[in-house]
N, C-alpha and C. Protein backbone atom coordinates (compact mmCIF):
# COMPACT_ATOMS: atom_id res chain seq x y z
N MET A 1 -33.63 -0.01 -10.58
CA MET A 1 -34.67 0.25 -9.61
C MET A 1 -34.36 1.55 -8.87
N THR A 2 -35.39 2.25 -8.56
CA THR A 2 -35.21 3.47 -7.80
C THR A 2 -35.93 3.34 -6.47
N THR A 3 -35.65 4.27 -5.59
CA THR A 3 -36.31 4.25 -4.29
C THR A 3 -37.82 4.43 -4.46
N ALA A 4 -38.21 5.28 -5.41
CA ALA A 4 -39.64 5.48 -5.67
C ALA A 4 -40.30 4.18 -6.15
N GLY A 5 -39.55 3.38 -6.89
CA GLY A 5 -40.07 2.10 -7.38
C GLY A 5 -40.08 1.03 -6.31
N GLN A 6 -39.34 1.26 -5.25
CA GLN A 6 -39.24 0.32 -4.13
C GLN A 6 -39.52 1.07 -2.83
N PRO A 7 -40.74 1.57 -2.62
CA PRO A 7 -41.01 2.41 -1.46
C PRO A 7 -40.80 1.73 -0.11
N ASN A 8 -40.80 0.41 -0.07
CA ASN A 8 -40.62 -0.30 1.19
C ASN A 8 -39.18 -0.76 1.42
N SER A 9 -38.28 -0.40 0.50
CA SER A 9 -36.88 -0.81 0.62
C SER A 9 -36.21 -0.05 1.76
N PRO A 10 -35.40 -0.74 2.57
CA PRO A 10 -34.66 -0.04 3.62
C PRO A 10 -33.44 0.70 3.08
N TRP A 11 -33.11 0.47 1.80
CA TRP A 11 -31.91 1.06 1.23
C TRP A 11 -32.22 2.40 0.56
N LEU A 12 -31.34 3.38 0.76
CA LEU A 12 -31.46 4.65 0.05
C LEU A 12 -31.20 4.44 -1.42
N PHE A 13 -30.26 3.55 -1.75
CA PHE A 13 -29.93 3.22 -3.13
C PHE A 13 -30.06 1.72 -3.33
N PRO A 14 -31.28 1.24 -3.55
CA PRO A 14 -31.47 -0.21 -3.71
C PRO A 14 -30.81 -0.73 -4.98
N GLY A 15 -30.31 -1.96 -4.91
CA GLY A 15 -29.68 -2.59 -6.06
C GLY A 15 -30.68 -3.36 -6.90
N GLN A 16 -30.18 -4.12 -7.83
CA GLN A 16 -31.04 -4.89 -8.72
C GLN A 16 -31.68 -6.08 -8.02
N ALA A 17 -30.94 -6.71 -7.11
CA ALA A 17 -31.47 -7.87 -6.40
C ALA A 17 -32.27 -7.40 -5.19
N PRO A 18 -33.42 -8.00 -4.95
CA PRO A 18 -34.23 -7.61 -3.79
C PRO A 18 -33.44 -7.70 -2.49
N GLY A 19 -33.56 -6.69 -1.66
CA GLY A 19 -32.90 -6.69 -0.37
C GLY A 19 -31.43 -6.34 -0.40
N GLN A 20 -30.92 -5.96 -1.57
CA GLN A 20 -29.50 -5.62 -1.69
C GLN A 20 -29.34 -4.14 -2.03
N HIS A 21 -28.26 -3.55 -1.53
CA HIS A 21 -27.98 -2.16 -1.84
C HIS A 21 -27.24 -2.05 -3.17
N LEU A 22 -27.20 -0.86 -3.71
CA LEU A 22 -26.48 -0.58 -4.94
C LEU A 22 -24.99 -0.70 -4.67
N GLY A 23 -24.26 -1.30 -5.59
CA GLY A 23 -22.82 -1.47 -5.42
C GLY A 23 -22.06 -0.15 -5.58
N ALA A 24 -20.84 -0.11 -5.08
CA ALA A 24 -20.02 1.10 -5.11
C ALA A 24 -19.76 1.57 -6.54
N LYS A 25 -19.46 0.64 -7.44
CA LYS A 25 -19.18 1.04 -8.83
C LYS A 25 -20.41 1.64 -9.49
N GLN A 26 -21.57 1.05 -9.24
CA GLN A 26 -22.80 1.57 -9.84
C GLN A 26 -23.13 2.95 -9.27
N LEU A 27 -22.94 3.12 -7.96
CA LEU A 27 -23.22 4.41 -7.34
C LEU A 27 -22.27 5.47 -7.87
N THR A 28 -20.99 5.12 -8.01
CA THR A 28 -20.01 6.06 -8.55
C THR A 28 -20.40 6.47 -9.97
N ALA A 29 -20.81 5.52 -10.78
CA ALA A 29 -21.22 5.84 -12.16
C ALA A 29 -22.42 6.78 -12.17
N ARG A 30 -23.37 6.56 -11.28
CA ARG A 30 -24.54 7.45 -11.20
C ARG A 30 -24.14 8.85 -10.76
N LEU A 31 -23.24 8.93 -9.77
CA LEU A 31 -22.80 10.24 -9.30
C LEU A 31 -22.07 11.01 -10.40
N VAL A 32 -21.23 10.32 -11.16
CA VAL A 32 -20.52 10.97 -12.26
C VAL A 32 -21.50 11.46 -13.32
N ARG A 33 -22.54 10.68 -13.61
CA ARG A 33 -23.54 11.08 -14.61
C ARG A 33 -24.25 12.37 -14.22
N VAL A 34 -24.42 12.61 -12.92
CA VAL A 34 -25.11 13.83 -12.50
C VAL A 34 -24.13 14.95 -12.11
N GLY A 35 -22.84 14.73 -12.39
CA GLY A 35 -21.87 15.79 -12.21
C GLY A 35 -21.09 15.81 -10.91
N VAL A 36 -21.24 14.78 -10.08
CA VAL A 36 -20.49 14.72 -8.83
C VAL A 36 -19.20 13.96 -9.09
N ARG A 37 -18.11 14.69 -9.09
CA ARG A 37 -16.80 14.11 -9.37
C ARG A 37 -16.08 13.79 -8.07
N SER A 38 -15.00 13.04 -8.18
CA SER A 38 -14.25 12.65 -6.98
C SER A 38 -13.68 13.87 -6.26
N THR A 39 -13.36 14.95 -6.98
CA THR A 39 -12.83 16.13 -6.31
C THR A 39 -13.86 16.72 -5.35
N GLY A 40 -15.12 16.69 -5.73
CA GLY A 40 -16.18 17.18 -4.84
C GLY A 40 -16.35 16.29 -3.63
N ARG A 41 -16.25 14.99 -3.83
CA ARG A 41 -16.37 14.06 -2.71
C ARG A 41 -15.19 14.21 -1.75
N HIS A 42 -13.99 14.41 -2.31
CA HIS A 42 -12.81 14.61 -1.46
C HIS A 42 -12.91 15.92 -0.68
N ALA A 43 -13.42 16.95 -1.33
CA ALA A 43 -13.58 18.24 -0.64
C ALA A 43 -14.59 18.11 0.50
N ALA A 44 -15.66 17.38 0.26
CA ALA A 44 -16.67 17.17 1.31
C ALA A 44 -16.07 16.38 2.46
N LEU A 45 -15.28 15.36 2.16
CA LEU A 45 -14.64 14.57 3.21
C LEU A 45 -13.68 15.45 4.01
N ASN A 46 -12.91 16.28 3.32
CA ASN A 46 -11.97 17.17 4.01
C ASN A 46 -12.71 18.12 4.95
N ALA A 47 -13.84 18.64 4.51
CA ALA A 47 -14.63 19.55 5.35
C ALA A 47 -15.16 18.81 6.59
N LEU A 48 -15.59 17.58 6.40
CA LEU A 48 -16.09 16.80 7.54
C LEU A 48 -14.97 16.46 8.52
N ILE A 49 -13.78 16.18 7.98
CA ILE A 49 -12.64 15.86 8.84
C ILE A 49 -12.31 17.05 9.75
N ALA A 50 -12.52 18.25 9.25
CA ALA A 50 -12.24 19.44 10.06
C ALA A 50 -13.26 19.61 11.18
N GLU A 51 -14.43 18.99 11.04
CA GLU A 51 -15.51 19.17 12.01
C GLU A 51 -15.74 18.00 12.95
N ILE A 52 -15.32 16.81 12.52
CA ILE A 52 -15.66 15.59 13.27
C ILE A 52 -14.39 14.77 13.49
N PRO A 53 -14.18 14.24 14.68
CA PRO A 53 -12.99 13.40 14.92
C PRO A 53 -12.95 12.21 13.96
N ALA A 54 -11.75 11.90 13.49
CA ALA A 54 -11.56 10.86 12.48
C ALA A 54 -12.23 9.53 12.81
N PRO A 55 -12.08 9.00 14.02
CA PRO A 55 -12.70 7.69 14.30
C PRO A 55 -14.24 7.73 14.18
N LEU A 56 -14.83 8.82 14.64
CA LEU A 56 -16.29 8.93 14.54
C LEU A 56 -16.74 9.07 13.09
N LEU A 57 -16.00 9.87 12.33
CA LEU A 57 -16.33 10.07 10.92
C LEU A 57 -16.17 8.77 10.14
N ALA A 58 -15.10 8.05 10.41
CA ALA A 58 -14.87 6.78 9.72
C ALA A 58 -16.02 5.82 9.97
N GLU A 59 -16.45 5.73 11.22
CA GLU A 59 -17.55 4.83 11.55
C GLU A 59 -18.85 5.27 10.86
N ALA A 60 -19.11 6.56 10.88
CA ALA A 60 -20.35 7.07 10.28
C ALA A 60 -20.40 6.86 8.78
N LEU A 61 -19.25 6.99 8.11
CA LEU A 61 -19.23 6.89 6.65
C LEU A 61 -18.84 5.51 6.12
N GLY A 62 -18.41 4.64 7.02
CA GLY A 62 -18.02 3.30 6.59
C GLY A 62 -16.60 3.24 6.04
N TYR A 63 -15.78 4.23 6.37
CA TYR A 63 -14.37 4.21 5.97
C TYR A 63 -13.57 3.45 7.02
N HIS A 64 -12.40 2.97 6.63
CA HIS A 64 -11.50 2.37 7.61
C HIS A 64 -10.93 3.51 8.44
N PRO A 65 -10.85 3.35 9.77
CA PRO A 65 -10.34 4.43 10.62
C PRO A 65 -8.96 4.95 10.23
N LYS A 66 -8.08 4.05 9.76
CA LYS A 66 -6.74 4.48 9.35
C LYS A 66 -6.81 5.44 8.17
N THR A 67 -7.72 5.20 7.25
CA THR A 67 -7.86 6.05 6.07
C THR A 67 -8.18 7.47 6.48
N VAL A 68 -9.16 7.63 7.33
CA VAL A 68 -9.59 8.97 7.74
C VAL A 68 -8.54 9.61 8.65
N THR A 69 -7.92 8.81 9.52
CA THR A 69 -6.89 9.34 10.41
C THR A 69 -5.69 9.85 9.62
N LEU A 70 -5.26 9.08 8.61
CA LEU A 70 -4.15 9.53 7.77
C LEU A 70 -4.50 10.81 7.03
N ARG A 71 -5.72 10.89 6.50
CA ARG A 71 -6.14 12.10 5.79
C ARG A 71 -6.21 13.28 6.75
N ALA A 72 -6.69 13.07 7.96
CA ALA A 72 -6.74 14.13 8.96
C ALA A 72 -5.33 14.63 9.27
N GLY A 73 -4.37 13.72 9.35
CA GLY A 73 -2.98 14.10 9.58
C GLY A 73 -2.42 14.93 8.44
N GLU A 74 -2.76 14.54 7.22
CA GLU A 74 -2.31 15.30 6.05
C GLU A 74 -2.88 16.71 6.05
N LEU A 75 -4.09 16.85 6.56
CA LEU A 75 -4.75 18.16 6.61
C LEU A 75 -4.34 18.97 7.83
N GLY A 76 -3.59 18.33 8.73
CA GLY A 76 -3.16 19.03 9.94
C GLY A 76 -4.25 19.15 10.99
N THR A 77 -5.25 18.30 10.91
CA THR A 77 -6.34 18.31 11.89
C THR A 77 -5.92 17.50 13.10
N ASP A 78 -5.96 18.12 14.25
CA ASP A 78 -5.52 17.45 15.47
C ASP A 78 -6.68 17.33 16.45
N TRP A 79 -7.11 16.11 16.67
CA TRP A 79 -8.22 15.86 17.60
C TRP A 79 -7.70 15.22 18.88
N ALA A 80 -6.41 15.37 19.15
CA ALA A 80 -5.83 14.72 20.32
C ALA A 80 -6.51 15.16 21.61
N GLY A 81 -6.94 16.41 21.69
CA GLY A 81 -7.57 16.91 22.90
C GLY A 81 -9.07 16.76 22.93
N TYR A 82 -9.63 16.09 21.92
CA TYR A 82 -11.09 15.99 21.82
C TYR A 82 -11.72 15.29 23.01
N ALA A 83 -11.21 14.13 23.38
CA ALA A 83 -11.80 13.37 24.49
C ALA A 83 -11.73 14.16 25.80
N ALA A 84 -10.59 14.79 26.04
CA ALA A 84 -10.44 15.59 27.27
C ALA A 84 -11.41 16.77 27.26
N SER A 85 -11.55 17.40 26.12
CA SER A 85 -12.48 18.53 25.99
C SER A 85 -13.92 18.09 26.26
N LYS A 86 -14.32 16.96 25.68
CA LYS A 86 -15.67 16.44 25.88
C LYS A 86 -15.89 16.06 27.35
N ALA A 87 -14.87 15.50 27.98
CA ALA A 87 -14.99 15.11 29.38
C ALA A 87 -15.17 16.35 30.26
N ARG A 88 -14.42 17.40 29.96
CA ARG A 88 -14.56 18.65 30.73
C ARG A 88 -15.93 19.27 30.54
N SER A 89 -16.42 19.30 29.30
CA SER A 89 -17.72 19.93 29.05
C SER A 89 -18.85 19.12 29.66
N SER A 90 -18.75 17.79 29.68
CA SER A 90 -19.81 16.99 30.29
C SER A 90 -19.77 17.10 31.82
N ALA A 91 -18.59 17.34 32.37
CA ALA A 91 -18.47 17.50 33.82
C ALA A 91 -19.17 18.80 34.27
N PHE A 92 -19.13 19.81 33.41
CA PHE A 92 -19.78 21.08 33.75
C PHE A 92 -21.30 20.98 33.62
N GLN A 93 -21.79 20.01 32.84
CA GLN A 93 -23.23 19.88 32.64
C GLN A 93 -23.92 19.09 33.73
N ARG A 94 -23.17 18.49 34.61
CA ARG A 94 -23.77 17.66 35.67
C ARG A 94 -24.36 18.48 36.77
């Protein structure tokens, strides 16, 4: 089933059963068929880690926070000052 075949589906990638999303293995197989390899997905994740704090990124993408935090550490991305920076910038906007 495709999204065009299921225009009222809430899922971007609907599965075979009504109301269910496409499983991870099926989505991976589809991505590989169109040329999206794991190296591209890892590169995209690395780029996002450089731009977004690990806990927020993990929540947005459905990753476990430890997974993204460990990867951020491997990349040398340090968001330790993020909360303080956001607090200072919001204080100036008041």
